[in-house]
């Protein structure tokens, strides 16, 4: 016996999970909080900030951004002593 399909909101998504739904917003907020707790800043946030406050200036690639954030968090490079905390 198959369960009945989930009701839809007219956009082809399950009810309550469409764009802008409170449940989806809460999920994004929780995911962002976890990333910030472990020190993984968002490249998308960086890009939005650079476009808003420094238009026309060069931006780091994702790889350069990740490397720079890792060095800032854990040390190393530029003659600094490596550390974990």
C-alpha atoms as a PDB file:
ATOM      1  CA  UNK A   1       0.000   0.000   0.000  1.00  0.00           C
ATOM      2  CA  UNK A   2       1.469   3.341  -1.081  1.00  0.00           C
ATOM      3  CA  UNK A   3       1.013   6.439   1.093  1.00  0.00           C
ATOM      4  CA  UNK A   4      -0.881   9.380  -0.365  1.00  0.00           C
ATOM      5  CA  UNK A   5       1.316  12.007  -2.059  1.00  0.00           C
ATOM      6  CA  UNK A   6       2.129  15.153  -0.072  1.00  0.00           C
ATOM      7  CA  UNK A   7      -0.130  18.117  -0.821  1.00  0.00           C
ATOM      8  CA  UNK A   8       1.460  20.744  -2.998  1.00  0.00           C
ATOM      9  CA  UNK A   9       1.277  24.523  -2.869  1.00  0.00           C
ATOM     10  CA  UNK A  10       0.767  24.888  -6.606  1.00  0.00           C
ATOM     11  CA  UNK A  11       4.475  25.350  -7.383  1.00  0.00           C
ATOM     12  CA  UNK A  12       5.288  21.666  -7.427  1.00  0.00           C
ATOM     13  CA  UNK A  13       6.815  21.711  -3.939  1.00  0.00           C
ATOM     14  CA  UNK A  14       5.458  20.090  -0.795  1.00  0.00           C
ATOM     15  CA  UNK A  15       3.176  22.357   1.219  1.00  0.00           C
ATOM     16  CA  UNK A  16       5.140  24.680   3.484  1.00  0.00           C
ATOM     17  CA  UNK A  17       8.475  24.167   1.723  1.00  0.00           C
ATOM     18  CA  UNK A  18       8.149  26.679  -1.104  1.00  0.00           C
ATOM     19  CA  UNK A  19      10.496  29.630  -1.594  1.00  0.00           C
ATOM     20  CA  UNK A  20      10.396  31.941   1.414  1.00  0.00           C
ATOM     21  CA  UNK A  21       8.711  29.402   3.686  1.00  0.00           C
ATOM     22  CA  UNK A  22       9.454  29.770   7.395  1.00  0.00           C
ATOM     23  CA  UNK A  23      10.754  26.186   7.552  1.00  0.00           C
ATOM     24  CA  UNK A  24      13.236  26.763   4.726  1.00  0.00           C
ATOM     25  CA  UNK A  25      14.362  30.074   6.244  1.00  0.00           C
ATOM     26  CA  UNK A  26      14.912  28.366   9.606  1.00  0.00           C
ATOM     27  CA  UNK A  27      16.978  25.660   7.909  1.00  0.00           C
ATOM     28  CA  UNK A  28      19.162  28.244   6.183  1.00  0.00           C
ATOM     29  CA  UNK A  29      19.621  30.131   9.447  1.00  0.00           C
ATOM     30  CA  UNK A  30      20.630  26.963  11.319  1.00  0.00           C
ATOM     31  CA  UNK A  31      23.070  25.925   8.571  1.00  0.00           C
ATOM     32  CA  UNK A  32      24.651  29.379   8.580  1.00  0.00           C
ATOM     33  CA  UNK A  33      24.966  29.252  12.381  1.00  0.00           C
ATOM     34  CA  UNK A  34      26.757  25.893  12.247  1.00  0.00           C
ATOM     35  CA  UNK A  35      29.162  27.176   9.574  1.00  0.00           C
ATOM     36  CA  UNK A  36      29.975  30.224  11.695  1.00  0.00           C
ATOM     37  CA  UNK A  37      30.468  28.094  14.828  1.00  0.00           C
ATOM     38  CA  UNK A  38      33.138  26.019  13.105  1.00  0.00           C
ATOM     39  CA  UNK A  39      34.723  29.074  11.505  1.00  0.00           C
ATOM     40  CA  UNK A  40      33.694  28.506   7.908  1.00  0.00           C
ATOM     41  CA  UNK A  41      32.626  31.901   6.564  1.00  0.00           C
ATOM     42  CA  UNK A  42      30.447  32.036   3.482  1.00  0.00           C
ATOM     43  CA  UNK A  43      32.046  32.844   0.140  1.00  0.00           C
ATOM     44  CA  UNK A  44      28.644  34.060  -1.092  1.00  0.00           C
ATOM     45  CA  UNK A  45      28.506  36.567   1.787  1.00  0.00           C
ATOM     46  CA  UNK A  46      32.035  37.728   0.917  1.00  0.00           C
ATOM     47  CA  UNK A  47      31.091  38.212  -2.761  1.00  0.00           C
ATOM     48  CA  UNK A  48      27.903  40.122  -1.856  1.00  0.00           C
ATOM     49  CA  UNK A  49      29.882  42.381   0.498  1.00  0.00           C
ATOM     50  CA  UNK A  50      32.578  43.075  -2.095  1.00  0.00           C
ATOM     51  CA  UNK A  51      30.008  43.867  -4.791  1.00  0.00           C
ATOM     52  CA  UNK A  52      28.072  46.157  -2.451  1.00  0.00           C
ATOM     53  CA  UNK A  53      30.954  48.037  -0.803  1.00  0.00           C
ATOM     54  CA  UNK A  54      33.851  47.702  -3.256  1.00  0.00           C
ATOM     55  CA  UNK A  55      32.329  47.588  -6.767  1.00  0.00           C
ATOM     56  CA  UNK A  56      34.828  47.243  -9.576  1.00  0.00           C
ATOM     57  CA  UNK A  57      37.651  45.995  -7.331  1.00  0.00           C
ATOM     58  CA  UNK A  58      39.072  42.495  -7.822  1.00  0.00           C
ATOM     59  CA  UNK A  59      37.691  39.609  -5.746  1.00  0.00           C
ATOM     60  CA  UNK A  60      39.464  36.520  -4.450  1.00  0.00           C
ATOM     61  CA  UNK A  61      38.599  33.223  -6.089  1.00  0.00           C
ATOM     62  CA  UNK A  62      36.852  30.649  -3.895  1.00  0.00           C
ATOM     63  CA  UNK A  63      40.155  28.794  -3.464  1.00  0.00           C
ATOM     64  CA  UNK A  64      42.047  31.958  -2.442  1.00  0.00           C
ATOM     65  CA  UNK A  65      39.212  32.935  -0.062  1.00  0.00           C
ATOM     66  CA  UNK A  66      39.232  29.486   1.579  1.00  0.00           C
ATOM     67  CA  UNK A  67      43.037  29.513   1.920  1.00  0.00           C
ATOM     68  CA  UNK A  68      43.049  33.029   3.413  1.00  0.00           C
ATOM     69  CA  UNK A  69      40.333  32.133   5.943  1.00  0.00           C
ATOM     70  CA  UNK A  70      42.157  28.934   6.940  1.00  0.00           C
ATOM     71  CA  UNK A  71      45.406  30.845   7.488  1.00  0.00           C
ATOM     72  CA  UNK A  72      43.596  33.526   9.492  1.00  0.00           C
ATOM     73  CA  UNK A  73      41.978  30.895  11.709  1.00  0.00           C
ATOM     74  CA  UNK A  74      44.831  28.426  12.191  1.00  0.00           C
ATOM     75  CA  UNK A  75      47.936  30.524  11.585  1.00  0.00           C
ATOM     76  CA  UNK A  76      50.770  29.472   9.342  1.00  0.00           C
ATOM     77  CA  UNK A  77      52.172  31.343   6.380  1.00  0.00           C
ATOM     78  CA  UNK A  78      53.687  34.820   6.592  1.00  0.00           C
ATOM     79  CA  UNK A  79      56.179  33.680   9.221  1.00  0.00           C
ATOM     80  CA  UNK A  80      53.560  33.017  11.915  1.00  0.00           C
ATOM     81  CA  UNK A  81      53.658  30.058  14.214  1.00  0.00           C
ATOM     82  CA  UNK A  82      51.038  27.429  13.406  1.00  0.00           C
ATOM     83  CA  UNK A  83      48.449  26.794  16.111  1.00  0.00           C
ATOM     84  CA  UNK A  84      45.096  25.119  16.520  1.00  0.00           C
ATOM     85  CA  UNK A  85      43.357  27.591  18.855  1.00  0.00           C
END
